[in-house]
């Protein structure tokens, strides 16, 4: 596709020509690279913004999950202690029974 730029300042054209000469390419090739690089850079910035939003949402989800698991752990412990009390069993004895019967080890959970 061909694009034309009108009414460009003469000093800007000289700067473009000097830079193109340094890179040993024509003004057209130099301008083409600049435009394409700008578009790629803008695309990368957009992708980074989308990634930031996604990471933020994942972090929020993980935080919410952590809070729910923490609450679940507290409620489970309360139910465990209530059950031990209801059946007249010392929680330490219950831990021993569970460890021997099912191979539960308190160190696995830490």
C-alpha atoms as a PDB file:
ATOM      1  CA  UNK A   1       0.000   0.000   0.000  1.00  0.00           C
ATOM      2  CA  UNK A   2       1.269   3.441  -0.781  1.00  0.00           C
ATOM      3  CA  UNK A   3       0.991   6.379   1.614  1.00  0.00           C
ATOM      4  CA  UNK A   4       1.921   9.986   0.892  1.00  0.00           C
ATOM      5  CA  UNK A   5       2.724  12.635   3.478  1.00  0.00           C
ATOM      6  CA  UNK A   6       2.120  16.250   2.538  1.00  0.00           C
ATOM      7  CA  UNK A   7       3.376  19.524   3.998  1.00  0.00           C
ATOM      8  CA  UNK A   8       6.196  17.959   6.003  1.00  0.00           C
ATOM      9  CA  UNK A   9       8.682  20.446   7.436  1.00  0.00           C
ATOM     10  CA  UNK A  10      11.930  20.664   5.424  1.00  0.00           C
ATOM     11  CA  UNK A  11      14.040  20.270   8.576  1.00  0.00           C
ATOM     12  CA  UNK A  12      12.173  17.069   9.470  1.00  0.00           C
ATOM     13  CA  UNK A  13      12.860  15.696   5.979  1.00  0.00           C
ATOM     14  CA  UNK A  14      16.584  16.501   6.381  1.00  0.00           C
ATOM     15  CA  UNK A  15      16.686  14.676   9.718  1.00  0.00           C
ATOM     16  CA  UNK A  16      14.930  11.678   8.172  1.00  0.00           C
ATOM     17  CA  UNK A  17      17.332  11.690   5.222  1.00  0.00           C
ATOM     18  CA  UNK A  18      20.358  11.847   7.544  1.00  0.00           C
ATOM     19  CA  UNK A  19      19.106   8.960   9.637  1.00  0.00           C
ATOM     20  CA  UNK A  20      18.298   6.919   6.534  1.00  0.00           C
ATOM     21  CA  UNK A  21      21.794   7.619   5.219  1.00  0.00           C
ATOM     22  CA  UNK A  22      23.332   6.458   8.526  1.00  0.00           C
ATOM     23  CA  UNK A  23      21.391   3.215   8.227  1.00  0.00           C
ATOM     24  CA  UNK A  24      22.304   2.942   4.530  1.00  0.00           C
ATOM     25  CA  UNK A  25      18.709   2.702   3.385  1.00  0.00           C
ATOM     26  CA  UNK A  26      16.436   4.923   1.359  1.00  0.00           C
ATOM     27  CA  UNK A  27      14.135   7.448   3.028  1.00  0.00           C
ATOM     28  CA  UNK A  28      11.173   5.302   2.015  1.00  0.00           C
ATOM     29  CA  UNK A  29      12.632   2.157   3.609  1.00  0.00           C
ATOM     30  CA  UNK A  30      13.519   4.119   6.731  1.00  0.00           C
ATOM     31  CA  UNK A  31      10.024   5.584   7.052  1.00  0.00           C
ATOM     32  CA  UNK A  32       8.460   2.187   6.372  1.00  0.00           C
ATOM     33  CA  UNK A  33      10.495   0.650   9.198  1.00  0.00           C
ATOM     34  CA  UNK A  34       9.572   3.473  11.574  1.00  0.00           C
ATOM     35  CA  UNK A  35       5.861   3.097  10.874  1.00  0.00           C
ATOM     36  CA  UNK A  36       5.937  -0.700  11.143  1.00  0.00           C
ATOM     37  CA  UNK A  37       8.000  -0.573  14.353  1.00  0.00           C
ATOM     38  CA  UNK A  38       5.566   1.924  15.869  1.00  0.00           C
ATOM     39  CA  UNK A  39       2.600  -0.291  15.030  1.00  0.00           C
ATOM     40  CA  UNK A  40       4.358  -3.344  16.494  1.00  0.00           C
ATOM     41  CA  UNK A  41       5.282  -1.399  19.644  1.00  0.00           C
ATOM     42  CA  UNK A  42       1.707  -0.194  20.087  1.00  0.00           C
ATOM     43  CA  UNK A  43       0.514  -3.782  19.652  1.00  0.00           C
ATOM     44  CA  UNK A  44       2.951  -4.946  22.301  1.00  0.00           C
ATOM     45  CA  UNK A  45       1.784  -2.203  24.689  1.00  0.00           C
ATOM     46  CA  UNK A  46      -1.830  -3.249  24.151  1.00  0.00           C
ATOM     47  CA  UNK A  47      -0.953  -6.900  24.772  1.00  0.00           C
ATOM     48  CA  UNK A  48       0.898  -5.910  27.949  1.00  0.00           C
ATOM     49  CA  UNK A  49      -2.121  -3.978  29.199  1.00  0.00           C
ATOM     50  CA  UNK A  50      -4.369  -6.975  28.520  1.00  0.00           C
ATOM     51  CA  UNK A  51      -1.875  -9.225  30.314  1.00  0.00           C
ATOM     52  CA  UNK A  52      -1.805  -6.867  33.311  1.00  0.00           C
ATOM     53  CA  UNK A  53      -5.610  -6.968  33.512  1.00  0.00           C
ATOM     54  CA  UNK A  54      -5.600 -10.772  33.296  1.00  0.00           C
ATOM     55  CA  UNK A  55      -2.867 -11.126  35.939  1.00  0.00           C
ATOM     56  CA  UNK A  56      -4.768  -8.743  38.205  1.00  0.00           C
ATOM     57  CA  UNK A  57      -7.942 -10.801  37.830  1.00  0.00           C
ATOM     58  CA  UNK A  58      -6.041 -14.022  38.549  1.00  0.00           C
ATOM     59  CA  UNK A  59      -4.441 -12.427  41.616  1.00  0.00           C
ATOM     60  CA  UNK A  60      -7.863 -11.310  42.850  1.00  0.00           C
ATOM     61  CA  UNK A  61      -9.206 -14.822  42.302  1.00  0.00           C
ATOM     62  CA  UNK A  62      -6.294 -16.373  44.165  1.00  0.00           C
ATOM     63  CA  UNK A  63      -6.723 -13.965  47.059  1.00  0.00           C
ATOM     64  CA  UNK A  64     -10.433 -14.762  47.287  1.00  0.00           C
ATOM     65  CA  UNK A  65      -9.685 -18.510  47.116  1.00  0.00           C
ATOM     66  CA  UNK A  66      -7.054 -18.176  49.846  1.00  0.00           C
ATOM     67  CA  UNK A  67      -9.515 -16.356  52.117  1.00  0.00           C
ATOM     68  CA  UNK A  68     -12.179 -18.996  51.501  1.00  0.00           C
ATOM     69  CA  UNK A  69      -9.758 -21.850  52.179  1.00  0.00           C
ATOM     70  CA  UNK A  70      -8.584 -20.142  55.339  1.00  0.00           C
ATOM     71  CA  UNK A  71     -12.184 -19.818  56.538  1.00  0.00           C
ATOM     72  CA  UNK A  72     -12.878 -23.425  55.562  1.00  0.00           C
ATOM     73  CA  UNK A  73      -9.862 -24.555  57.560  1.00  0.00           C
ATOM     74  CA  UNK A  74     -11.090 -22.671  60.634  1.00  0.00           C
ATOM     75  CA  UNK A  75     -14.613 -24.067  60.312  1.00  0.00           C
ATOM     76  CA  UNK A  76     -13.292 -27.596  59.778  1.00  0.00           C
ATOM     77  CA  UNK A  77     -11.161 -27.335  62.904  1.00  0.00           C
ATOM     78  CA  UNK A  78     -14.165 -26.081  64.894  1.00  0.00           C
ATOM     79  CA  UNK A  79     -16.281 -28.994  63.631  1.00  0.00           C
ATOM     80  CA  UNK A  80     -13.476 -31.439  64.445  1.00  0.00           C
ATOM     81  CA  UNK A  81     -13.186 -30.133  67.999  1.00  0.00           C
ATOM     82  CA  UNK A  82     -16.977 -30.123  68.398  1.00  0.00           C
ATOM     83  CA  UNK A  83     -17.150 -33.736  67.193  1.00  0.00           C
ATOM     84  CA  UNK A  84     -14.355 -34.767  69.565  1.00  0.00           C
ATOM     85  CA  UNK A  85     -16.211 -33.105  72.429  1.00  0.00           C
ATOM     86  CA  UNK A  86     -19.531 -34.698  71.423  1.00  0.00           C
ATOM     87  CA  UNK A  87     -18.117 -38.220  71.439  1.00  0.00           C
ATOM     88  CA  UNK A  88     -15.987 -37.601  74.530  1.00  0.00           C
ATOM     89  CA  UNK A  89     -12.654 -38.028  72.801  1.00  0.00           C
ATOM     90  CA  UNK A  90      -9.548 -35.987  73.501  1.00  0.00           C
ATOM     91  CA  UNK A  91      -8.433 -34.306  70.210  1.00  0.00           C
ATOM     92  CA  UNK A  92      -4.903 -35.662  70.767  1.00  0.00           C
ATOM     93  CA  UNK A  93      -6.309 -39.185  71.006  1.00  0.00           C
ATOM     94  CA  UNK A  94      -8.344 -38.579  67.847  1.00  0.00           C
ATOM     95  CA  UNK A  95      -5.197 -37.395  66.043  1.00  0.00           C
ATOM     96  CA  UNK A  96      -3.383 -40.535  67.158  1.00  0.00           C
ATOM     97  CA  UNK A  97      -6.239 -42.772  65.993  1.00  0.00           C
ATOM     98  CA  UNK A  98      -6.438 -41.030  62.604  1.00  0.00           C
ATOM     99  CA  UNK A  99      -2.672 -41.227  62.159  1.00  0.00           C
ATOM    100  CA  UNK A 100      -2.558 -44.924  62.952  1.00  0.00           C
ATOM    101  CA  UNK A 101      -5.718 -45.832  61.041  1.00  0.00           C
ATOM    102  CA  UNK A 102      -5.335 -43.747  57.905  1.00  0.00           C
ATOM    103  CA  UNK A 103      -1.667 -42.810  57.926  1.00  0.00           C
ATOM    104  CA  UNK A 104      -2.420 -39.106  58.467  1.00  0.00           C
ATOM    105  CA  UNK A 105       0.616 -37.227  59.578  1.00  0.00           C
ATOM    106  CA  UNK A 106       0.405 -33.705  60.931  1.00  0.00           C
ATOM    107  CA  UNK A 107       3.747 -32.818  59.323  1.00  0.00           C
ATOM    108  CA  UNK A 108       2.311 -33.440  55.826  1.00  0.00           C
ATOM    109  CA  UNK A 109      -0.075 -30.502  56.225  1.00  0.00           C
ATOM    110  CA  UNK A 110       2.615 -27.995  57.278  1.00  0.00           C
END
